[in-house]
N, C-alpha and C. Protein backbone atom coordinates (compact mmCIF):
# COMPACT_ATOMS: atom_id res chain seq x y z
N UNK A 1 80.76 140.41 120.99
CA UNK A 1 79.58 140.62 121.85
C UNK A 1 80.22 141.61 123.37
N UNK A 2 80.34 142.56 123.23
CA UNK A 2 80.75 143.00 124.68
C UNK A 2 79.90 142.77 125.93
N UNK A 3 80.70 142.57 126.68
CA UNK A 3 80.11 142.39 128.22
C UNK A 3 80.43 143.45 129.07
N UNK A 4 79.93 143.47 130.41
CA UNK A 4 80.48 144.14 131.41
C UNK A 4 81.23 143.70 132.45
N UNK A 5 81.91 144.30 133.20
CA UNK A 5 82.81 143.52 134.13
C UNK A 5 82.59 144.74 135.42
N UNK A 6 82.77 143.93 136.81
CA UNK A 6 82.36 145.10 137.81
C UNK A 6 83.95 144.66 138.55
N UNK A 7 84.84 145.34 138.34
CA UNK A 7 86.04 145.58 139.00
C UNK A 7 86.52 146.41 140.21
N UNK A 8 86.62 145.44 141.17
CA UNK A 8 86.52 145.84 142.57
C UNK A 8 87.92 146.19 143.08
N UNK A 9 88.12 147.06 143.94
CA UNK A 9 89.13 147.67 144.33
C UNK A 9 89.22 148.15 145.88
N UNK A 10 90.26 148.11 146.47
CA UNK A 10 90.65 148.67 148.39
C UNK A 10 91.22 149.87 147.79
N UNK A 11 90.62 150.93 148.56
CA UNK A 11 91.39 152.14 149.08
C UNK A 11 92.24 152.31 150.39
N UNK A 12 93.23 152.81 150.35
CA UNK A 12 93.87 152.95 151.79
C UNK A 12 94.13 154.18 151.87
N UNK A 13 93.91 154.73 153.36
CA UNK A 13 94.52 155.91 153.50
C UNK A 13 94.98 156.25 155.05
N UNK A 14 96.14 156.01 155.35
CA UNK A 14 96.76 155.52 156.71
C UNK A 14 95.54 154.85 157.52
N UNK A 15 94.78 154.54 158.54
CA UNK A 15 94.23 153.86 159.02
C UNK A 15 92.34 153.83 158.43
N UNK A 16 92.17 154.33 157.47
CA UNK A 16 90.93 154.30 156.57
C UNK A 16 91.38 153.50 155.71
N UNK A 17 89.81 152.79 155.29
CA UNK A 17 89.63 151.79 154.56
C UNK A 17 88.59 151.89 153.49
N UNK A 18 88.33 152.01 152.36
CA UNK A 18 87.29 152.24 151.36
C UNK A 18 87.41 150.97 150.51
N UNK A 19 85.78 150.61 149.91
CA UNK A 19 86.03 150.01 148.76
C UNK A 19 85.32 150.84 147.59
N UNK A 20 85.81 150.28 146.58
CA UNK A 20 85.37 151.41 145.13
C UNK A 20 85.18 150.06 144.09
N UNK A 21 84.71 150.56 143.14
CA UNK A 21 84.60 149.92 141.88
C UNK A 21 84.47 150.67 140.81
N UNK A 22 84.62 149.78 139.49
CA UNK A 22 84.34 150.71 137.69
C UNK A 22 83.81 149.49 137.71
N UNK A 23 82.74 149.85 136.45
CA UNK A 23 82.02 148.67 135.22
C UNK A 23 82.94 149.69 134.25
N UNK A 24 83.38 148.53 133.37
CA UNK A 24 84.24 148.46 132.49
C UNK A 24 83.36 147.51 131.65
N UNK A 25 83.47 147.91 129.95
CA UNK A 25 82.76 147.32 129.05
C UNK A 25 83.94 146.32 128.23
N UNK A 26 84.00 145.08 127.88
CA UNK A 26 84.96 144.51 127.27
C UNK A 26 84.33 143.39 126.82
N UNK A 27 85.38 142.95 125.77
CA UNK A 27 84.85 141.44 125.13
C UNK A 27 85.26 140.52 126.26
N UNK A 28 86.33 140.69 127.02
CA UNK A 28 86.83 139.33 127.76
C UNK A 28 87.37 140.03 129.17
N UNK A 29 87.82 139.17 130.29
CA UNK A 29 87.96 139.54 131.47
C UNK A 29 89.41 140.23 131.29
N UNK A 30 90.29 139.63 130.60
CA UNK A 30 91.55 140.17 130.30
C UNK A 30 91.60 141.95 129.72
N UNK A 31 90.60 141.94 128.88
CA UNK A 31 90.26 142.96 128.03
C UNK A 31 90.02 144.11 129.19
N UNK A 32 89.02 143.72 130.08
CA UNK A 32 88.44 144.28 131.13
C UNK A 32 90.08 145.24 131.99
N UNK A 33 90.56 144.02 132.07
CA UNK A 33 91.76 144.48 133.21
C UNK A 33 92.75 145.46 132.52
N UNK A 34 92.73 145.47 131.10
CA UNK A 34 93.73 146.22 130.43
C UNK A 34 93.05 147.83 130.74
N UNK A 35 91.90 147.49 130.26
CA UNK A 35 91.10 148.76 130.50
C UNK A 35 91.32 149.78 131.80
N UNK A 36 91.14 148.73 133.14
CA UNK A 36 91.24 149.04 133.88
C UNK A 36 92.40 149.74 134.37
N UNK A 37 93.14 148.83 134.16
CA UNK A 37 94.87 149.47 134.19
C UNK A 37 95.20 150.68 133.61
N UNK A 38 94.90 150.77 132.31
CA UNK A 38 95.16 152.11 131.56
C UNK A 38 94.30 153.29 132.37
N UNK A 39 92.94 153.42 132.74
CA UNK A 39 92.27 154.35 133.47
C UNK A 39 93.26 154.68 134.79
N UNK A 40 93.82 153.86 135.42
CA UNK A 40 94.77 154.40 136.27
C UNK A 40 96.31 154.75 136.39
N UNK A 41 96.56 154.42 135.07
CA UNK A 41 97.99 154.83 134.26
C UNK A 41 98.93 153.59 135.01
N UNK A 42 98.22 152.37 134.98
CA UNK A 42 99.21 151.50 135.26
C UNK A 42 99.89 150.86 134.20
N UNK A 43 100.92 150.55 134.15
CA UNK A 43 101.71 150.01 133.15
C UNK A 43 101.68 148.81 132.41
N UNK A 44 101.72 147.71 133.49
CA UNK A 44 101.66 146.36 133.69
C UNK A 44 100.07 146.05 133.92
N UNK A 45 99.25 145.68 133.32
CA UNK A 45 97.92 145.50 134.21
C UNK A 45 98.10 143.77 134.88
N UNK A 46 99.11 142.88 134.13
CA UNK A 46 99.41 141.47 134.54
C UNK A 46 99.80 141.70 135.93
N UNK A 47 100.20 142.82 136.54
CA UNK A 47 100.68 143.06 138.05
C UNK A 47 99.48 142.98 139.07
N UNK A 48 98.53 143.61 138.37
CA UNK A 48 96.89 143.80 139.42
C UNK A 48 97.10 142.52 140.32
N UNK A 49 96.94 141.42 139.82
CA UNK A 49 96.47 140.00 140.48
C UNK A 49 98.04 139.70 141.28
N UNK A 50 98.82 140.45 141.42
CA UNK A 50 100.03 140.24 142.31
C UNK A 50 99.55 140.86 143.52
N UNK A 51 99.60 139.82 144.92
CA UNK A 51 98.84 140.13 146.23
C UNK A 51 99.57 141.71 146.89
N UNK A 52 100.32 141.82 146.57
CA UNK A 52 101.15 143.00 147.39
C UNK A 52 101.31 144.51 146.22
N UNK A 53 100.80 144.06 145.06
CA UNK A 53 100.59 145.33 144.27
C UNK A 53 99.91 146.34 144.51
N UNK A 54 100.32 147.69 144.66
CA UNK A 54 99.53 149.05 144.66
C UNK A 54 99.78 149.75 144.19
N UNK A 55 98.75 150.79 143.94
CA UNK A 55 99.31 152.37 143.14
C UNK A 55 98.83 153.03 143.87
N UNK A 56 98.75 154.47 143.30
CA UNK A 56 98.26 155.67 143.97
C UNK A 56 97.22 156.18 143.28
N UNK A 57 96.20 156.24 143.89
CA UNK A 57 94.91 157.21 143.59
C UNK A 57 94.97 158.41 144.37
N UNK A 58 95.35 159.09 143.94
CA UNK A 58 95.63 160.82 144.44
C UNK A 58 96.16 160.38 145.78
N UNK A 59 95.89 160.48 147.08
CA UNK A 59 96.13 160.72 148.55
C UNK A 59 96.12 159.20 148.86
N UNK A 60 95.68 158.33 148.07
CA UNK A 60 94.96 156.95 148.77
C UNK A 60 95.83 156.17 148.16
N UNK A 61 96.05 154.76 148.56
CA UNK A 61 97.08 153.71 147.84
C UNK A 61 95.72 153.01 147.50
N UNK A 62 95.95 152.03 146.16
CA UNK A 62 94.73 151.48 145.84
C UNK A 62 95.30 149.56 145.62
N UNK A 63 94.38 148.91 146.07
CA UNK A 63 94.91 147.33 145.49
C UNK A 63 93.77 146.64 144.89
N UNK A 64 94.19 145.89 143.53
CA UNK A 64 92.79 145.20 143.21
C UNK A 64 92.23 144.33 144.28
N UNK A 65 91.09 143.99 144.19
CA UNK A 65 90.17 142.94 144.89
C UNK A 65 89.48 142.05 144.16
N UNK A 66 89.01 142.11 143.15
CA UNK A 66 88.45 141.07 142.14
C UNK A 66 87.70 141.49 140.82
N UNK A 67 87.49 140.55 139.98
CA UNK A 67 86.67 140.93 138.67
C UNK A 67 85.31 139.97 138.61
N UNK A 68 84.13 140.50 138.31
CA UNK A 68 83.39 139.48 138.10
C UNK A 68 82.26 140.09 136.65
N UNK A 69 81.89 139.03 136.06
CA UNK A 69 80.73 139.41 134.92
C UNK A 69 79.50 140.08 135.56
N UNK A 70 79.25 140.89 134.86
CA UNK A 70 77.86 141.23 135.36
C UNK A 70 76.42 141.65 133.99
N UNK A 71 75.49 141.43 134.51
CA UNK A 71 74.76 141.59 133.48
C UNK A 71 73.73 143.48 133.22
N UNK A 72 73.64 144.09 132.30
CA UNK A 72 73.23 145.17 132.60
C UNK A 72 71.59 145.27 132.55
N UNK A 73 70.97 145.87 133.27
CA UNK A 73 69.31 145.88 133.35
C UNK A 73 68.98 147.14 133.44
N UNK A 74 67.50 147.26 132.94
CA UNK A 74 66.70 148.45 133.52
C UNK A 74 66.35 148.37 135.08
N UNK A 75 66.49 149.19 135.76
CA UNK A 75 66.19 149.68 136.99
C UNK A 75 64.57 149.24 137.16
N UNK A 76 64.29 148.61 138.10
CA UNK A 76 62.40 148.32 138.21
C UNK A 76 62.12 149.13 138.89
N UNK A 77 62.77 149.63 139.89
CA UNK A 77 62.28 150.60 140.94
C UNK A 77 62.06 152.14 140.56
N UNK A 78 63.02 152.28 139.37
CA UNK A 78 62.65 153.74 139.01
C UNK A 78 62.10 153.80 137.40
N UNK A 79 61.22 152.69 136.94
CA UNK A 79 60.32 152.16 136.01
C UNK A 79 61.49 152.50 135.01
N UNK A 80 62.57 152.14 134.69
CA UNK A 80 63.68 152.16 133.67
C UNK A 80 64.46 153.26 133.44
N UNK A 81 64.29 154.29 133.88
CA UNK A 81 65.18 155.15 133.89
C UNK A 81 66.43 155.39 134.39
N UNK A 82 67.04 154.15 135.47
CA UNK A 82 68.22 153.91 135.68
C UNK A 82 68.87 152.65 134.99
N UNK A 83 70.15 152.31 135.33
CA UNK A 83 70.83 151.33 134.90
C UNK A 83 71.32 150.52 136.34
N UNK A 84 71.02 148.96 136.16
CA UNK A 84 71.75 148.47 137.31
C UNK A 84 72.35 147.44 136.97
N UNK A 85 73.61 146.92 137.55
CA UNK A 85 74.44 145.73 137.08
C UNK A 85 74.07 144.76 138.15
N UNK A 86 73.93 143.12 137.48
CA UNK A 86 73.82 142.36 138.18
C UNK A 86 74.56 141.13 138.20
N UNK A 87 75.01 140.27 139.05
CA UNK A 87 76.09 139.35 138.98
C UNK A 87 75.19 137.70 138.25
């Protein structure tokens, strides 16, 4: 059974800092990290958890923050026309 993982990462551009995330559909946390790494062209997914590891995302430098398993549910505010992810 496939699960959903919320992968958070930090983007930096000079003095600016922003937070971003990707929702990854995978069987396990390790598989989700491998898919995330492939998405950004990172050749060694194990390096994501190293504290000083960074990769380029356009003009920004990105670093891994955390990964959490989430559940997919229909949005109650829009009567089920959208999807939200809960921890």
